[in-house]
């Protein structure tokens, strides 16, 4: 059972943003996914309650960190949102079941210090040491007008933690979560730049998590068809109705390419003869 855990000891680091958008992305690809909420604030449960009924289904699991080793029966793919301050036995339990752990970190020095401590503990875990649980960090809400990305990359390199992507600061994520949506449920015309920033995340997960799952490559390349129009609050957020041409997979240019469907970009229009 492929399991991806979002871990950060510091609150407000972007764990929920990563978890909701990742789960929604998989659901839009036709992948059965369960969103596990181990945080006592139960932000994921609240987000799922706001999710429109016409949106692709995301299964819910509300648990606690001490029970992280017991996912619900029948779960096939699991995205875990974990509580802040996770350490010791509770962190070890998450590492025991996770195939990948993503650590979100903002441009704050305090975020980097907190992430360093978490990574120092994780890297001692046998499953992380052996490579059975891959760990990487993602820069969150980094301003492209500053050197925040370079600073975060340099920090990750200094602690030998893989840095795979950077997500910009934008109100699109805020508006999406208010409506139980992800940026992948919203119009391509306003989210195309943000979807592109998810490309290396999907590629990394395709290599580290789903490459060992026999059915994963076919699933990740599956056309999602037409997504029903979703009732969205406020009305300004009109979700895209994706045609087959929008989501047709591009030809891979590398070994990772086959895991990246073209949900990220529109297909170039063809000229009729």
Protein backbone atom coordinates (compact mmCIF):
# COMPACT_ATOMS: atom_id res chain seq x y z
CA UNK A 1 0.00 0.00 0.00
CA UNK A 2 1.77 3.20 -1.16
CA UNK A 3 1.80 5.64 1.77
CA UNK A 4 2.95 9.26 1.68
CA UNK A 5 3.27 11.18 4.96
CA UNK A 6 3.54 14.94 5.31
CA UNK A 7 5.65 15.72 8.37
CA UNK A 8 6.70 18.97 10.02
CA UNK A 9 7.22 19.76 13.67
CA UNK A 10 6.33 23.41 13.16
CA UNK A 11 2.73 24.52 12.76
CA UNK A 12 1.78 26.58 9.73
CA UNK A 13 4.48 25.06 7.56
CA UNK A 14 2.13 23.99 4.77
CA UNK A 15 1.44 20.36 5.68
CA UNK A 16 -2.28 20.64 4.96
CA UNK A 17 -1.65 22.38 1.63
CA UNK A 18 0.58 19.53 0.50
CA UNK A 19 -1.74 16.80 1.79
CA UNK A 20 -4.97 18.14 0.29
CA UNK A 21 -3.50 18.95 -3.12
CA UNK A 22 -1.65 15.65 -3.35
CA UNK A 23 -4.75 13.64 -2.46
CA UNK A 24 -6.88 15.63 -4.91
CA UNK A 25 -4.29 15.16 -7.66
CA UNK A 26 -4.40 11.38 -7.25
CA UNK A 27 -8.21 11.39 -7.14
CA UNK A 28 -8.33 13.35 -10.40
CA UNK A 29 -6.14 10.66 -12.00
CA UNK A 30 -8.70 8.02 -11.04
CA UNK A 31 -6.53 6.65 -8.23
CA UNK A 32 -8.34 5.45 -5.11
CA UNK A 33 -6.85 7.53 -2.31
CA UNK A 34 -7.46 7.92 1.41
CA UNK A 35 -6.59 11.15 3.19
CA UNK A 36 -5.51 10.33 6.72
CA UNK A 37 -5.85 13.06 9.35
CA UNK A 38 -3.66 12.36 12.37
CA UNK A 39 -3.69 15.99 13.54
CA UNK A 40 -5.94 16.73 16.53
CA UNK A 41 -7.13 19.89 14.73
CA UNK A 42 -8.65 17.64 12.05
CA UNK A 43 -8.14 20.16 9.27
CA UNK A 44 -8.40 17.43 6.64
CA UNK A 45 -11.78 16.31 7.93
CA UNK A 46 -13.07 19.88 7.73
CA UNK A 47 -11.68 20.27 4.19
CA UNK A 48 -13.34 17.05 3.04
CA UNK A 49 -16.68 18.22 4.45
CA UNK A 50 -16.44 21.32 2.27
CA UNK A 51 -15.51 19.32 -0.81
CA UNK A 52 -18.29 19.39 -3.46
CA UNK A 53 -20.09 16.10 -3.99
CA UNK A 54 -19.34 16.26 -7.72
CA UNK A 55 -15.58 16.32 -7.10
CA UNK A 56 -13.54 13.12 -7.44
CA UNK A 57 -13.92 11.06 -4.28
CA UNK A 58 -11.27 11.15 -1.57
CA UNK A 59 -11.75 8.68 1.26
CA UNK A 60 -11.31 9.93 4.82
CA UNK A 61 -9.57 8.48 7.84
CA UNK A 62 -9.44 10.35 11.14
CA UNK A 63 -6.92 8.82 13.52
CA UNK A 64 -4.12 9.82 15.84
CA UNK A 65 -0.35 9.60 15.67
CA UNK A 66 -0.21 6.71 18.14
CA UNK A 67 -2.42 4.66 15.80
CA UNK A 68 -0.55 5.57 12.63
CA UNK A 69 0.55 1.95 12.20
CA UNK A 70 -3.05 0.81 11.72
CA UNK A 71 -4.50 2.32 8.52
CA UNK A 72 -8.13 1.47 7.76
CA UNK A 73 -8.85 -1.89 6.08
CA UNK A 74 -9.14 -1.72 2.30
CA UNK A 75 -6.89 1.34 1.96
CA UNK A 76 -4.93 1.17 -1.29
CA UNK A 77 -3.14 4.55 -1.36
CA UNK A 78 -2.70 6.71 1.72
CA UNK A 79 -1.76 10.37 2.18
CA UNK A 80 -1.14 11.23 5.84
CA UNK A 81 -1.36 14.70 7.36
CA UNK A 82 0.50 14.46 10.67
CA UNK A 83 0.39 16.71 13.75
CA UNK A 84 3.05 19.31 14.48
CA UNK A 85 5.73 18.44 17.00
CA UNK A 86 5.92 14.80 15.92
CA UNK A 87 8.95 13.07 17.44
CA UNK A 88 10.15 9.95 19.19
CA UNK A 89 7.92 6.88 19.02
CA UNK A 90 5.13 8.68 17.16
CA UNK A 91 7.53 9.82 14.43
CA UNK A 92 9.01 6.32 14.26
CA UNK A 93 5.54 4.82 13.75
CA UNK A 94 4.94 7.11 10.79
CA UNK A 95 8.31 6.14 9.29
CA UNK A 96 7.38 2.48 9.77
CA UNK A 97 4.44 2.66 7.37
CA UNK A 98 5.44 5.48 5.01
CA UNK A 99 7.05 4.84 1.64
CA UNK A 100 7.82 8.55 1.39
CA UNK A 101 7.92 11.47 3.81
CA UNK A 102 7.65 15.04 2.57
CA UNK A 103 8.86 17.81 4.87
CA UNK A 104 7.45 21.26 4.00
CA UNK A 105 9.64 24.20 5.00
CA UNK A 106 9.11 27.93 4.53
CA UNK A 107 11.75 30.61 4.16
CA UNK A 108 11.88 31.11 7.93
CA UNK A 109 15.06 30.25 9.83
CA UNK A 110 12.89 28.71 12.55
CA UNK A 111 11.28 26.42 9.96
CA UNK A 112 14.67 25.28 8.71
CA UNK A 113 15.95 24.63 12.23
CA UNK A 114 12.82 22.65 13.10
CA UNK A 115 13.08 20.66 9.86
CA UNK A 116 16.76 19.96 10.54
CA UNK A 117 15.92 18.44 13.92
CA UNK A 118 13.14 16.33 12.40
CA UNK A 119 15.41 15.12 9.60
CA UNK A 120 18.22 14.31 12.05
CA UNK A 121 15.84 11.98 13.88
CA UNK A 122 14.32 10.48 10.75
CA UNK A 123 17.63 9.64 9.10
CA UNK A 124 18.46 7.32 12.02
CA UNK A 125 15.36 5.21 11.39
CA UNK A 126 16.18 1.82 9.81
CA UNK A 127 13.64 2.20 6.99
CA UNK A 128 15.03 5.61 6.06
CA UNK A 129 18.62 4.34 6.24
CA UNK A 130 17.79 1.43 3.95
CA UNK A 131 15.92 3.60 1.45
CA UNK A 132 12.58 1.88 2.01
CA UNK A 133 11.20 5.20 3.26
CA UNK A 134 12.36 8.09 1.07
CA UNK A 135 12.50 11.59 2.56
CA UNK A 136 12.57 14.94 0.78
CA UNK A 137 11.79 18.56 1.52
CA UNK A 138 9.64 21.08 -0.36
CA UNK A 139 9.95 24.85 -0.12
CA UNK A 140 6.60 26.41 0.77
CA UNK A 141 5.36 29.94 0.09
CA UNK A 142 8.75 31.11 -1.14
CA UNK A 143 8.81 34.53 -2.79
CA UNK A 144 10.40 34.33 -6.23
CA UNK A 145 11.51 37.97 -5.88
CA UNK A 146 13.89 37.04 -3.07
CA UNK A 147 16.72 34.55 -2.58
CA UNK A 148 14.50 32.36 -0.37
CA UNK A 149 14.64 29.42 -2.77
CA UNK A 150 18.43 29.51 -3.00
CA UNK A 151 18.75 29.82 0.78
CA UNK A 152 16.42 26.83 1.28
CA UNK A 153 18.27 24.76 -1.32
CA UNK A 154 21.62 25.56 0.30
CA UNK A 155 20.25 24.61 3.72
CA UNK A 156 18.90 21.29 2.39
CA UNK A 157 22.25 20.50 0.81
CA UNK A 158 24.07 21.33 4.05
CA UNK A 159 22.01 18.76 6.00
CA UNK A 160 22.00 16.24 3.11
CA UNK A 161 18.24 16.38 2.67
CA UNK A 162 16.86 16.07 -0.86
CA UNK A 163 15.18 19.28 -2.07
CA UNK A 164 12.68 18.46 -4.82
CA UNK A 165 10.40 21.46 -5.39
CA UNK A 166 9.36 24.95 -4.45
CA UNK A 167 5.75 26.18 -4.25
CA UNK A 168 5.15 29.89 -4.52
CA UNK A 169 3.10 32.08 -2.20
CA UNK A 170 -0.34 32.55 -3.77
CA UNK A 171 -3.92 33.10 -2.65
CA UNK A 172 -5.03 30.31 -5.00
CA UNK A 173 -4.22 27.71 -2.35
CA UNK A 174 -6.17 29.71 0.25
CA UNK A 175 -9.21 30.03 -1.99
CA UNK A 176 -9.07 26.38 -2.93
CA UNK A 177 -8.98 25.10 0.66
CA UNK A 178 -11.90 27.35 1.61
CA UNK A 179 -14.01 25.47 -0.93
CA UNK A 180 -12.77 21.95 -0.32
CA UNK A 181 -10.79 22.05 -3.56
CA UNK A 182 -7.22 21.84 -4.78
CA UNK A 183 -5.46 23.83 -7.48
CA UNK A 184 -6.01 20.81 -9.74
CA UNK A 185 -9.79 21.27 -9.43
CA UNK A 186 -9.54 24.93 -10.46
CA UNK A 187 -9.29 26.42 -13.98
CA UNK A 188 -6.09 25.65 -15.82
CA UNK A 189 -6.00 29.25 -17.03
CA UNK A 190 -5.31 30.51 -13.50
CA UNK A 191 -3.38 27.56 -12.04
CA UNK A 192 -1.05 26.55 -14.87
CA UNK A 193 2.04 28.11 -13.27
CA UNK A 194 1.28 26.44 -9.95
CA UNK A 195 0.64 23.04 -11.54
CA UNK A 196 4.07 23.25 -13.16
CA UNK A 197 5.63 23.58 -9.72
CA UNK A 198 4.08 20.21 -8.79
CA UNK A 199 5.73 18.43 -11.72
CA UNK A 200 8.97 17.51 -9.86
CA UNK A 201 6.93 16.36 -6.84
CA UNK A 202 4.92 13.93 -8.96
CA UNK A 203 8.07 12.77 -10.75
CA UNK A 204 9.87 12.12 -7.46
CA UNK A 205 6.92 10.17 -6.05
CA UNK A 206 6.63 8.23 -9.29
CA UNK A 207 10.23 7.09 -8.94
CA UNK A 208 10.42 6.58 -5.17
CA UNK A 209 6.93 5.31 -4.33
CA UNK A 210 4.92 4.09 -7.29
CA UNK A 211 7.71 2.55 -9.35
CA UNK A 212 7.56 -0.53 -7.13
CA UNK A 213 3.77 -0.82 -7.36
CA UNK A 214 2.84 -3.13 -10.23
CA UNK A 215 -0.28 -1.21 -11.27
CA UNK A 216 1.02 2.31 -10.67
CA UNK A 217 2.44 3.22 -14.11
CA UNK A 218 -0.80 2.39 -15.90
CA UNK A 219 -2.82 4.22 -13.27
CA UNK A 220 -0.67 7.34 -13.40
CA UNK A 221 -1.01 7.48 -17.19
CA UNK A 222 -4.76 6.93 -17.19
CA UNK A 223 -6.87 9.57 -18.91
CA UNK A 224 -9.18 11.13 -16.34
CA UNK A 225 -11.87 12.03 -18.83
CA UNK A 226 -14.21 14.92 -18.23
CA UNK A 227 -14.40 16.19 -14.67
CA UNK A 228 -17.93 17.34 -13.75
CA UNK A 229 -18.44 21.06 -13.19
CA UNK A 230 -18.22 21.66 -9.47
CA UNK A 231 -20.38 24.03 -7.42
CA UNK A 232 -17.81 26.39 -5.92
CA UNK A 233 -17.94 29.13 -3.29
CA UNK A 234 -17.26 31.94 -4.15
CA UNK A 235 -18.45 32.01 -7.76
CA UNK A 236 -15.12 33.40 -8.97
CA UNK A 237 -13.65 29.92 -8.62
CA UNK A 238 -15.10 28.10 -11.59
CA UNK A 239 -13.39 24.71 -11.95
CA UNK A 240 -12.18 23.59 -15.30
CA UNK A 241 -14.01 20.97 -17.34
CA UNK A 242 -11.09 19.02 -18.73
CA UNK A 243 -11.33 17.47 -22.17
CA UNK A 244 -9.34 14.46 -23.26
CA UNK A 245 -6.98 16.75 -25.18
CA UNK A 246 -6.20 18.62 -21.94
CA UNK A 247 -5.11 15.51 -20.10
CA UNK A 248 -3.61 13.36 -22.83
CA UNK A 249 -0.24 12.09 -21.64
CA UNK A 250 2.85 13.53 -23.23
CA UNK A 251 5.58 11.31 -24.62
CA UNK A 252 8.23 10.77 -21.93
CA UNK A 253 11.64 12.31 -22.51
CA UNK A 254 13.22 10.41 -19.62
CA UNK A 255 12.59 7.52 -17.27
CA UNK A 256 10.58 9.80 -14.98
CA UNK A 257 8.44 11.28 -17.73
CA UNK A 258 6.06 8.36 -17.92
CA UNK A 259 4.79 9.18 -14.43
CA UNK A 260 3.82 12.77 -15.28
CA UNK A 261 0.44 13.13 -17.04
CA UNK A 262 -0.29 16.37 -18.84
CA UNK A 263 -2.77 17.56 -16.24
CA UNK A 264 -0.07 20.17 -15.71
CA UNK A 265 -0.30 21.77 -19.12
CA UNK A 266 -2.72 22.23 -21.94
CA UNK A 267 -2.13 20.37 -25.18
CA UNK A 268 -1.07 22.47 -28.17
CA UNK A 269 -4.00 22.93 -30.51
CA UNK A 270 -3.81 21.03 -33.76
CA UNK A 271 -4.38 22.67 -37.11
CA UNK A 272 -7.00 20.87 -39.12
CA UNK A 273 -5.86 19.99 -42.66
